[in-house]
Amino acid sequence: MEYINNIFNTIQQWQALIGVLLGSFVGALMSLIGFYFRDKFEKARQLKEGRRRVEISVTRTINDMHTVKVNFPIFIKRTEKIIAEIDNALTDDTKYVLDETNLPFFDVFLDKTLPDILTKSYYVHNKVLWVDAGVKSVNFELVEMKQNFSTLSRKNEFLVIIKAKQREQKEAYKSNLQDFNRTIREDFIPKALDVGMKTLMQIKVYNSKMRGRWGWYMRWKYEGVSFKYFKNKKEILNYNQELPCVDRIDALINQEVVEMIRMGDRI
């Protein structure tokens, strides 16, 4: 009888030990599961916030770029009025043309933290890097144009001060204004503003898709591992090193981008 009691006591002790071990294991497992889901939730929150910040920053830059693009034709019209006055007075060798206009100061907004924002999209990241460099270049050119136009006006004043021949002053002033306008029309607007605006719209369209209800599916479809484009992570990494990785998505969203640009131009 005593032998049987000892067996029962041993079994109870093992049960208690197993219960303690099982409780510790379950507790540790629940902690790991909780940590895993907290980490997933935090990453999802960071992605959502990152994409929201991209939307805000890009929209501000688009608005500033649009303001510049709208105001340059207004400036050109003012200079063309001066050119027309020069033409009317060109044969009058007793008259100088001193009319001037002002080139407004423009500055396109650039969020310097944009390249560091987490979006989990190689497409958005590449485009953001291009925008970062492009907007810096646009702002540099805007400052340079402001300085060049001031220099142009001072040269015209100088010709008057030194009493240059009236026709020479007017011809020089007209030529300088025409060259300045040509630079804006043929170089700055198409090569800087239009290209920059298109890149910004591409980011806005694609980022808006990622922020949508089925954004996770859209990003997986265009950028993730799938039988349509990439069969494994290595293929994605190799593909991301080449420019066609963004060209393909450019083509997929091109119609929406073109339509948004048209809507902006009509405003």
C-alpha atoms as a PDB file:
ATOM      1  CA  MET A   1       0.000   0.000   0.000  1.00  0.00           C
ATOM      2  CA  GLU A   2       2.810   2.360   0.875  1.00  0.00           C
ATOM      3  CA  TYR A   3       4.429   1.572  -2.473  1.00  0.00           C
ATOM      4  CA  ILE A   4       1.255   2.579  -4.320  1.00  0.00           C
ATOM      5  CA  ASN A   5       1.027   5.830  -2.328  1.00  0.00           C
ATOM      6  CA  ASN A   6       4.593   6.672  -3.286  1.00  0.00           C
ATOM      7  CA  ILE A   7       3.729   6.140  -6.948  1.00  0.00           C
ATOM      8  CA  PHE A   8       0.717   8.443  -6.654  1.00  0.00           C
ATOM      9  CA  ASN A   9       2.817  11.089  -4.869  1.00  0.00           C
ATOM     10  CA  THR A  10       5.454  10.884  -7.600  1.00  0.00           C
ATOM     11  CA  ILE A  11       2.804  11.228 -10.292  1.00  0.00           C
ATOM     12  CA  GLN A  12       1.344  14.279  -8.526  1.00  0.00           C
ATOM     13  CA  GLN A  13       4.797  15.846  -8.236  1.00  0.00           C
ATOM     14  CA  TRP A  14       5.435  15.281 -11.950  1.00  0.00           C
ATOM     15  CA  GLN A  15       2.027  16.675 -12.789  1.00  0.00           C
ATOM     16  CA  ALA A  16       2.805  19.776 -10.749  1.00  0.00           C
ATOM     17  CA  LEU A  17       6.209  20.097 -12.420  1.00  0.00           C
ATOM     18  CA  ILE A  18       4.744  19.604 -15.883  1.00  0.00           C
ATOM     19  CA  GLY A  19       2.048  22.127 -15.068  1.00  0.00           C
ATOM     20  CA  VAL A  20       4.656  24.684 -14.033  1.00  0.00           C
ATOM     21  CA  LEU A  21       6.782  23.989 -17.126  1.00  0.00           C
ATOM     22  CA  LEU A  22       3.756  24.033 -19.397  1.00  0.00           C
ATOM     23  CA  GLY A  23       2.556  27.261 -17.822  1.00  0.00           C
ATOM     24  CA  SER A  24       5.988  28.833 -18.300  1.00  0.00           C
ATOM     25  CA  PHE A  25       6.102  27.616 -21.903  1.00  0.00           C
ATOM     26  CA  VAL A  26       2.623  28.920 -22.669  1.00  0.00           C
ATOM     27  CA  GLY A  27       3.449  32.216 -20.983  1.00  0.00           C
ATOM     28  CA  ALA A  28       6.662  32.571 -22.984  1.00  0.00           C
ATOM     29  CA  LEU A  29       4.858  31.565 -26.178  1.00  0.00           C
ATOM     30  CA  MET A  30       2.107  34.115 -25.589  1.00  0.00           C
ATOM     31  CA  SER A  31       4.741  36.772 -24.931  1.00  0.00           C
ATOM     32  CA  LEU A  32       6.452  35.917 -28.216  1.00  0.00           C
ATOM     33  CA  ILE A  33       3.154  35.956 -30.071  1.00  0.00           C
ATOM     34  CA  GLY A  34       2.258  39.271 -28.463  1.00  0.00           C
ATOM     35  CA  PHE A  35       5.656  40.737 -29.378  1.00  0.00           C
ATOM     36  CA  TYR A  36       5.276  39.463 -32.963  1.00  0.00           C
ATOM     37  CA  PHE A  37       1.877  41.056 -33.451  1.00  0.00           C
ATOM     38  CA  ARG A  38       2.936  44.293 -31.733  1.00  0.00           C
ATOM     39  CA  ASP A  39       5.917  44.468 -34.092  1.00  0.00           C
ATOM     40  CA  LYS A  40       3.668  43.799 -37.096  1.00  0.00           C
ATOM     41  CA  PHE A  41       1.186  46.421 -35.930  1.00  0.00           C
ATOM     42  CA  GLU A  42       3.930  48.997 -35.389  1.00  0.00           C
ATOM     43  CA  LYS A  43       5.426  48.369 -38.829  1.00  0.00           C
ATOM     44  CA  ALA A  44       1.977  48.649 -40.409  1.00  0.00           C
ATOM     45  CA  ARG A  45       1.409  51.911 -38.542  1.00  0.00           C
ATOM     46  CA  GLN A  46       4.788  53.250 -39.738  1.00  0.00           C
ATOM     47  CA  LEU A  47       3.981  52.304 -43.336  1.00  0.00           C
ATOM     48  CA  LYS A  48       0.576  53.984 -43.146  1.00  0.00           C
ATOM     49  CA  GLU A  49       2.089  57.121 -41.635  1.00  0.00           C
ATOM     50  CA  GLY A  50       4.967  57.101 -44.136  1.00  0.00           C
ATOM     51  CA  ARG A  51       2.612  56.933 -47.102  1.00  0.00           C
ATOM     52  CA  ARG A  52       0.481  59.698 -45.583  1.00  0.00           C
ATOM     53  CA  ARG A  53       3.568  61.899 -45.239  1.00  0.00           C
ATOM     54  CA  VAL A  54       4.561  61.163 -48.849  1.00  0.00           C
ATOM     55  CA  GLU A  55       1.078  62.248 -49.977  1.00  0.00           C
ATOM     56  CA  ILE A  56       1.270  65.532 -48.035  1.00  0.00           C
ATOM     57  CA  SER A  57       4.840  66.372 -49.051  1.00  0.00           C
ATOM     58  CA  VAL A  58       4.370  65.528 -52.727  1.00  0.00           C
ATOM     59  CA  THR A  59       1.102  67.494 -52.894  1.00  0.00           C
ATOM     60  CA  ARG A  60       2.810  70.587 -51.464  1.00  0.00           C
ATOM     61  CA  THR A  61       5.615  70.277 -54.008  1.00  0.00           C
ATOM     62  CA  ILE A  62       3.110  69.801 -56.863  1.00  0.00           C
ATOM     63  CA  ASN A  63       1.218  72.939 -55.792  1.00  0.00           C
ATOM     64  CA  ASP A  64       4.423  75.003 -55.760  1.00  0.00           C
ATOM     65  CA  MET A  65       5.550  73.589 -59.104  1.00  0.00           C
ATOM     66  CA  HIS A  66       2.142  74.382 -60.585  1.00  0.00           C
ATOM     67  CA  THR A  67       2.360  77.963 -59.274  1.00  0.00           C
ATOM     68  CA  VAL A  68       5.713  78.425 -60.999  1.00  0.00           C
ATOM     69  CA  LYS A  69       4.430  76.941 -64.252  1.00  0.00           C
ATOM     70  CA  VAL A  70       1.335  79.171 -64.235  1.00  0.00           C
ATOM     71  CA  ASN A  71       3.196  82.382 -63.433  1.00  0.00           C
ATOM     72  CA  PHE A  72       6.010  82.119 -65.979  1.00  0.00           C
ATOM     73  CA  PRO A  73       3.663  82.648 -68.979  1.00  0.00           C
ATOM     74  CA  ILE A  74       2.303  85.737 -67.182  1.00  0.00           C
ATOM     75  CA  PHE A  75       5.845  87.035 -66.806  1.00  0.00           C
ATOM     76  CA  ILE A  76       6.579  86.301 -70.485  1.00  0.00           C
ATOM     77  CA  LYS A  77       3.480  88.273 -71.556  1.00  0.00           C
ATOM     78  CA  ARG A  78       4.768  91.299 -69.626  1.00  0.00           C
ATOM     79  CA  THR A  79       8.160  91.068 -71.320  1.00  0.00           C
ATOM     80  CA  GLU A  80       6.462  90.700 -74.705  1.00  0.00           C
ATOM     81  CA  LYS A  81       4.654  93.995 -74.109  1.00  0.00           C
ATOM     82  CA  ILE A  82       8.042  95.629 -73.592  1.00  0.00           C
ATOM     83  CA  ILE A  83       9.327  93.990 -76.778  1.00  0.00           C
ATOM     84  CA  ALA A  84       6.294  95.335 -78.656  1.00  0.00           C
ATOM     85  CA  GLU A  85       7.026  98.831 -77.322  1.00  0.00           C
ATOM     86  CA  ILE A  86      10.633  98.481 -78.466  1.00  0.00           C
ATOM     87  CA  ASP A  87       9.447  97.521 -81.951  1.00  0.00           C
ATOM     88  CA  ASN A  88       7.180 100.562 -82.072  1.00  0.00           C
ATOM     89  CA  ALA A  89      10.009 102.875 -81.023  1.00  0.00           C
ATOM     90  CA  LEU A  90      12.834 101.126 -82.852  1.00  0.00           C
ATOM     91  CA  THR A  91      13.112 103.670 -85.658  1.00  0.00           C
ATOM     92  CA  ASP A  92      12.874 106.640 -83.280  1.00  0.00           C
ATOM     93  CA  ASP A  93      16.515 107.563 -82.752  1.00  0.00           C
ATOM     94  CA  THR A  94      15.624 110.118 -80.074  1.00  0.00           C
ATOM     95  CA  LYS A  95      14.055 107.706 -77.639  1.00  0.00           C
ATOM     96  CA  TYR A  96      15.274 105.032 -75.242  1.00  0.00           C
ATOM     97  CA  VAL A  97      13.016 102.239 -73.932  1.00  0.00           C
ATOM     98  CA  LEU A  98      13.331 101.989 -70.154  1.00  0.00           C
ATOM     99  CA  ASP A  99      10.239  99.943 -69.299  1.00  0.00           C
ATOM    100  CA  GLU A 100      10.939  97.076 -66.917  1.00  0.00           C
ATOM    101  CA  THR A 101       9.077  94.225 -65.298  1.00  0.00           C
ATOM    102  CA  ASN A 102       9.770  92.038 -62.303  1.00  0.00           C
ATOM    103  CA  LEU A 103      10.513  88.331 -62.221  1.00  0.00           C
ATOM    104  CA  PRO A 104       8.822  87.085 -59.016  1.00  0.00           C
ATOM    105  CA  PHE A 105      10.761  85.045 -56.498  1.00  0.00           C
ATOM    106  CA  PHE A 106       9.731  81.381 -56.559  1.00  0.00           C
ATOM    107  CA  ASP A 107      10.719  78.576 -54.226  1.00  0.00           C
ATOM    108  CA  VAL A 108       9.419  75.025 -54.648  1.00  0.00           C
ATOM    109  CA  PHE A 109       8.801  73.157 -51.400  1.00  0.00           C
ATOM    110  CA  LEU A 110      11.130  70.216 -50.753  1.00  0.00           C
ATOM    111  CA  ASP A 111      10.737  67.853 -47.802  1.00  0.00           C
ATOM    112  CA  LYS A 112      14.331  66.921 -47.031  1.00  0.00           C
ATOM    113  CA  THR A 113      13.194  63.936 -44.953  1.00  0.00           C
ATOM    114  CA  LEU A 114      11.267  62.429 -47.881  1.00  0.00           C
ATOM    115  CA  PRO A 115      14.016  59.970 -49.011  1.00  0.00           C
ATOM    116  CA  ASP A 116      14.075  58.495 -45.476  1.00  0.00           C
ATOM    117  CA  ILE A 117      10.331  57.889 -45.205  1.00  0.00           C
ATOM    118  CA  LEU A 118       9.362  54.208 -45.035  1.00  0.00           C
ATOM    119  CA  THR A 119       6.928  53.156 -47.797  1.00  0.00           C
ATOM    120  CA  LYS A 120       8.126  49.599 -48.589  1.00  0.00           C
ATOM    121  CA  SER A 121       8.004  50.417 -52.297  1.00  0.00           C
ATOM    122  CA  TYR A 122      11.134  50.418 -54.450  1.00  0.00           C
ATOM    123  CA  TYR A 123       9.178  52.385 -57.078  1.00  0.00           C
ATOM    124  CA  VAL A 124       8.242  55.246 -54.740  1.00  0.00           C
ATOM    125  CA  HIS A 125      11.721  55.257 -53.204  1.00  0.00           C
ATOM    126  CA  ASN A 126      13.449  55.590 -56.595  1.00  0.00           C
ATOM    127  CA  LYS A 127      11.051  58.320 -57.715  1.00  0.00           C
ATOM    128  CA  VAL A 128      11.485  60.206 -54.434  1.00  0.00           C
ATOM    129  CA  LEU A 129      15.262  60.215 -54.905  1.00  0.00           C
ATOM    130  CA  TRP A 130      14.786  61.709 -58.386  1.00  0.00           C
ATOM    131  CA  VAL A 131      12.408  64.347 -56.995  1.00  0.00           C
ATOM    132  CA  ASP A 132      14.851  65.251 -54.233  1.00  0.00           C
ATOM    133  CA  ALA A 133      17.581  65.952 -56.794  1.00  0.00           C
ATOM    134  CA  GLY A 134      15.189  67.523 -59.314  1.00  0.00           C
ATOM    135  CA  VAL A 135      13.551  70.030 -56.961  1.00  0.00           C
ATOM    136  CA  LYS A 136      16.944  71.130 -55.663  1.00  0.00           C
ATOM    137  CA  SER A 137      17.967  71.747 -59.282  1.00  0.00           C
ATOM    138  CA  VAL A 138      14.732  73.642 -60.050  1.00  0.00           C
ATOM    139  CA  ASN A 139      15.170  75.927 -57.036  1.00  0.00           C
ATOM    140  CA  PHE A 140      18.778  76.585 -58.024  1.00  0.00           C
ATOM    141  CA  GLU A 141      17.693  77.512 -61.555  1.00  0.00           C
ATOM    142  CA  LEU A 142      14.933  79.781 -60.216  1.00  0.00           C
ATOM    143  CA  VAL A 143      17.438  81.729 -58.112  1.00  0.00           C
ATOM    144  CA  GLU A 144      19.851  81.887 -61.042  1.00  0.00           C
ATOM    145  CA  MET A 145      17.134  83.173 -63.398  1.00  0.00           C
ATOM    146  CA  LYS A 146      16.154  85.844 -60.890  1.00  0.00           C
ATOM    147  CA  GLN A 147      19.768  87.007 -60.753  1.00  0.00           C
ATOM    148  CA  ASN A 148      20.186  86.837 -64.544  1.00  0.00           C
ATOM    149  CA  PHE A 149      17.076  88.918 -65.140  1.00  0.00           C
ATOM    150  CA  SER A 150      18.297  91.545 -62.677  1.00  0.00           C
ATOM    151  CA  THR A 151      21.606  91.603 -64.552  1.00  0.00           C
ATOM    152  CA  LEU A 152      19.715  92.022 -67.836  1.00  0.00           C
ATOM    153  CA  SER A 153      17.877  95.060 -66.456  1.00  0.00           C
ATOM    154  CA  ARG A 154      21.088  96.596 -65.127  1.00  0.00           C
ATOM    155  CA  LYS A 155      22.773  96.180 -68.522  1.00  0.00           C
ATOM    156  CA  ASN A 156      19.906  98.072 -70.133  1.00  0.00           C
ATOM    157  CA  GLU A 157      20.209 100.851 -67.561  1.00  0.00           C
ATOM    158  CA  PHE A 158      23.959 100.981 -68.138  1.00  0.00           C
ATOM    159  CA  LEU A 159      23.502 101.492 -71.903  1.00  0.00           C
ATOM    160  CA  VAL A 160      21.270 104.458 -71.139  1.00  0.00           C
ATOM    161  CA  ILE A 161      23.704 105.887 -68.559  1.00  0.00           C
ATOM    162  CA  ILE A 162      26.655 105.766 -70.981  1.00  0.00           C
ATOM    163  CA  LYS A 163      24.413 107.328 -73.637  1.00  0.00           C
ATOM    164  CA  ALA A 164      24.679 104.506 -76.148  1.00  0.00           C
ATOM    165  CA  LYS A 165      22.882 105.051 -79.433  1.00  0.00           C
ATOM    166  CA  GLN A 166      19.137 104.741 -78.939  1.00  0.00           C
ATOM    167  CA  ARG A 167      18.706 102.069 -81.609  1.00  0.00           C
ATOM    168  CA  GLU A 168      21.608 100.005 -80.238  1.00  0.00           C
ATOM    169  CA  GLN A 169      20.103 100.178 -76.734  1.00  0.00           C
ATOM    170  CA  LYS A 170      16.698  99.043 -77.953  1.00  0.00           C
ATOM    171  CA  GLU A 171      18.050  96.263 -80.144  1.00  0.00           C
ATOM    172  CA  ALA A 172      20.226  94.946 -77.321  1.00  0.00           C
ATOM    173  CA  TYR A 173      17.342  95.135 -74.818  1.00  0.00           C
ATOM    174  CA  LYS A 174      14.974  93.363 -77.209  1.00  0.00           C
ATOM    175  CA  SER A 175      17.484  90.617 -77.992  1.00  0.00           C
ATOM    176  CA  ASN A 176      18.205  89.988 -74.312  1.00  0.00           C
ATOM    177  CA  LEU A 177      14.493  89.761 -73.457  1.00  0.00           C
ATOM    178  CA  GLN A 178      13.842  87.382 -76.353  1.00  0.00           C
ATOM    179  CA  ASP A 179      16.764  85.142 -75.343  1.00  0.00           C
ATOM    180  CA  PHE A 180      15.537  85.079 -71.766  1.00  0.00           C
ATOM    181  CA  ASN A 181      12.004  84.121 -72.834  1.00  0.00           C
ATOM    182  CA  ARG A 182      13.353  81.459 -75.183  1.00  0.00           C
ATOM    183  CA  THR A 183      15.310  79.876 -72.330  1.00  0.00           C
ATOM    184  CA  ILE A 184      12.148  79.665 -70.238  1.00  0.00           C
ATOM    185  CA  ARG A 185       9.950  78.289 -73.036  1.00  0.00           C
ATOM    186  CA  GLU A 186      12.374  75.833 -74.634  1.00  0.00           C
ATOM    187  CA  ASP A 187      14.554  74.765 -71.740  1.00  0.00           C
ATOM    188  CA  PHE A 188      13.274  75.445 -68.227  1.00  0.00           C
ATOM    189  CA  ILE A 189       9.557  74.634 -68.606  1.00  0.00           C
ATOM    190  CA  PRO A 190       9.815  71.413 -70.666  1.00  0.00           C
ATOM    191  CA  LYS A 191      13.061  70.050 -69.194  1.00  0.00           C
ATOM    192  CA  ALA A 192      12.650  71.042 -65.552  1.00  0.00           C
ATOM    193  CA  LEU A 193       9.035  71.841 -64.698  1.00  0.00           C
ATOM    194  CA  ASP A 194       7.235  69.369 -66.977  1.00  0.00           C
ATOM    195  CA  VAL A 195       9.584  66.479 -66.176  1.00  0.00           C
ATOM    196  CA  GLY A 196       9.454  67.267 -62.469  1.00  0.00           C
ATOM    197  CA  MET A 197       5.658  67.534 -62.494  1.00  0.00           C
ATOM    198  CA  LYS A 198       5.301  64.177 -64.235  1.00  0.00           C
ATOM    199  CA  THR A 199       7.544  62.451 -61.685  1.00  0.00           C
ATOM    200  CA  LEU A 200       5.611  64.007 -58.804  1.00  0.00           C
ATOM    201  CA  MET A 201       2.302  62.878 -60.320  1.00  0.00           C
ATOM    202  CA  GLN A 202       3.664  59.349 -60.742  1.00  0.00           C
ATOM    203  CA  ILE A 203       4.495  59.242 -57.042  1.00  0.00           C
ATOM    204  CA  LYS A 204       1.094  60.677 -56.117  1.00  0.00           C
ATOM    205  CA  VAL A 205      -0.857  58.186 -58.256  1.00  0.00           C
ATOM    206  CA  TYR A 206       1.068  55.102 -57.139  1.00  0.00           C
ATOM    207  CA  ASN A 207       1.242  56.155 -53.486  1.00  0.00           C
ATOM    208  CA  SER A 208      -2.531  56.764 -53.507  1.00  0.00           C
ATOM    209  CA  LYS A 209      -3.008  53.228 -54.771  1.00  0.00           C
ATOM    210  CA  MET A 210      -0.909  51.874 -51.906  1.00  0.00           C
ATOM    211  CA  ARG A 211      -2.997  53.875 -49.429  1.00  0.00           C
ATOM    212  CA  GLY A 212      -6.215  52.421 -50.809  1.00  0.00           C
ATOM    213  CA  ARG A 213      -8.193  49.508 -49.379  1.00  0.00           C
ATOM    214  CA  TRP A 214      -6.468  46.987 -51.646  1.00  0.00           C
ATOM    215  CA  GLY A 215      -3.108  48.730 -51.594  1.00  0.00           C
ATOM    216  CA  TRP A 216      -1.290  45.710 -50.174  1.00  0.00           C
ATOM    217  CA  TYR A 217      -2.527  43.578 -53.085  1.00  0.00           C
ATOM    218  CA  MET A 218      -1.647  46.230 -55.671  1.00  0.00           C
ATOM    219  CA  ARG A 219       1.899  46.592 -54.338  1.00  0.00           C
ATOM    220  CA  TRP A 220       2.330  42.791 -54.197  1.00  0.00           C
ATOM    221  CA  LYS A 221       0.998  42.502 -57.742  1.00  0.00           C
ATOM    222  CA  TYR A 222       3.387  45.136 -59.161  1.00  0.00           C
ATOM    223  CA  GLU A 223       6.415  44.750 -56.888  1.00  0.00           C
ATOM    224  CA  GLY A 224       6.145  41.560 -54.816  1.00  0.00           C
ATOM    225  CA  VAL A 225       6.964  37.915 -55.325  1.00  0.00           C
ATOM    226  CA  SER A 226       4.432  36.503 -57.774  1.00  0.00           C
ATOM    227  CA  PHE A 227       4.362  34.267 -60.826  1.00  0.00           C
ATOM    228  CA  LYS A 228       3.523  37.262 -63.009  1.00  0.00           C
ATOM    229  CA  TYR A 229       6.777  39.201 -62.561  1.00  0.00           C
ATOM    230  CA  PHE A 230       9.087  37.744 -59.890  1.00  0.00           C
ATOM    231  CA  LYS A 231       9.330  34.155 -58.671  1.00  0.00           C
ATOM    232  CA  ASN A 232      11.583  34.832 -55.703  1.00  0.00           C
ATOM    233  CA  LYS A 233      13.175  37.626 -53.666  1.00  0.00           C
ATOM    234  CA  LYS A 234      16.492  37.331 -55.520  1.00  0.00           C
ATOM    235  CA  GLU A 235      14.797  38.168 -58.818  1.00  0.00           C
ATOM    236  CA  ILE A 236      13.260  41.272 -57.243  1.00  0.00           C
ATOM    237  CA  LEU A 237      16.601  42.476 -55.870  1.00  0.00           C
ATOM    238  CA  ASN A 238      18.327  41.913 -59.201  1.00  0.00           C
ATOM    239  CA  TYR A 239      15.530  43.617 -61.111  1.00  0.00           C
ATOM    240  CA  ASN A 240      15.437  46.627 -58.790  1.00  0.00           C
ATOM    241  CA  GLN A 241      19.002  47.477 -59.728  1.00  0.00           C
ATOM    242  CA  GLU A 242      17.933  48.289 -63.286  1.00  0.00           C
ATOM    243  CA  LEU A 243      15.888  51.253 -64.546  1.00  0.00           C
ATOM    244  CA  PRO A 244      13.241  49.067 -66.269  1.00  0.00           C
ATOM    245  CA  CYS A 245      11.936  48.228 -62.800  1.00  0.00           C
ATOM    246  CA  VAL A 246      10.361  51.701 -62.645  1.00  0.00           C
ATOM    247  CA  ASP A 247       9.696  51.988 -66.382  1.00  0.00           C
ATOM    248  CA  ARG A 248       7.285  49.053 -66.206  1.00  0.00           C
ATOM    249  CA  ILE A 249       5.205  50.669 -63.457  1.00  0.00           C
ATOM    250  CA  ASP A 250       5.420  54.036 -65.249  1.00  0.00           C
ATOM    251  CA  ALA A 251       3.673  52.393 -68.194  1.00  0.00           C
ATOM    252  CA  LEU A 252       1.025  50.754 -65.998  1.00  0.00           C
ATOM    253  CA  ILE A 253      -0.070  54.047 -64.404  1.00  0.00           C
ATOM    254  CA  ASN A 254       0.695  56.363 -67.334  1.00  0.00           C
ATOM    255  CA  GLN A 255      -2.924  57.030 -68.321  1.00  0.00           C
ATOM    256  CA  GLU A 256      -3.861  58.142 -64.806  1.00  0.00           C
ATOM    257  CA  VAL A 257      -0.765  60.352 -64.583  1.00  0.00           C
ATOM    258  CA  VAL A 258      -1.503  62.024 -67.932  1.00  0.00           C
ATOM    259  CA  GLU A 259      -5.094  62.696 -66.873  1.00  0.00           C
ATOM    260  CA  MET A 260      -4.011  64.274 -63.571  1.00  0.00           C
ATOM    261  CA  ILE A 261      -1.530  66.530 -65.372  1.00  0.00           C
ATOM    262  CA  ARG A 262      -4.263  67.612 -67.802  1.00  0.00           C
ATOM    263  CA  MET A 263      -6.584  68.428 -64.910  1.00  0.00           C
ATOM    264  CA  GLY A 264      -3.838  70.508 -63.300  1.00  0.00           C
ATOM    265  CA  ASP A 265      -3.170  72.397 -66.533  1.00  0.00           C
ATOM    266  CA  ARG A 266      -6.864  73.266 -66.823  1.00  0.00           C
ATOM    267  CA  ILE A 267      -6.919  74.900 -63.392  1.00  0.00           C
END
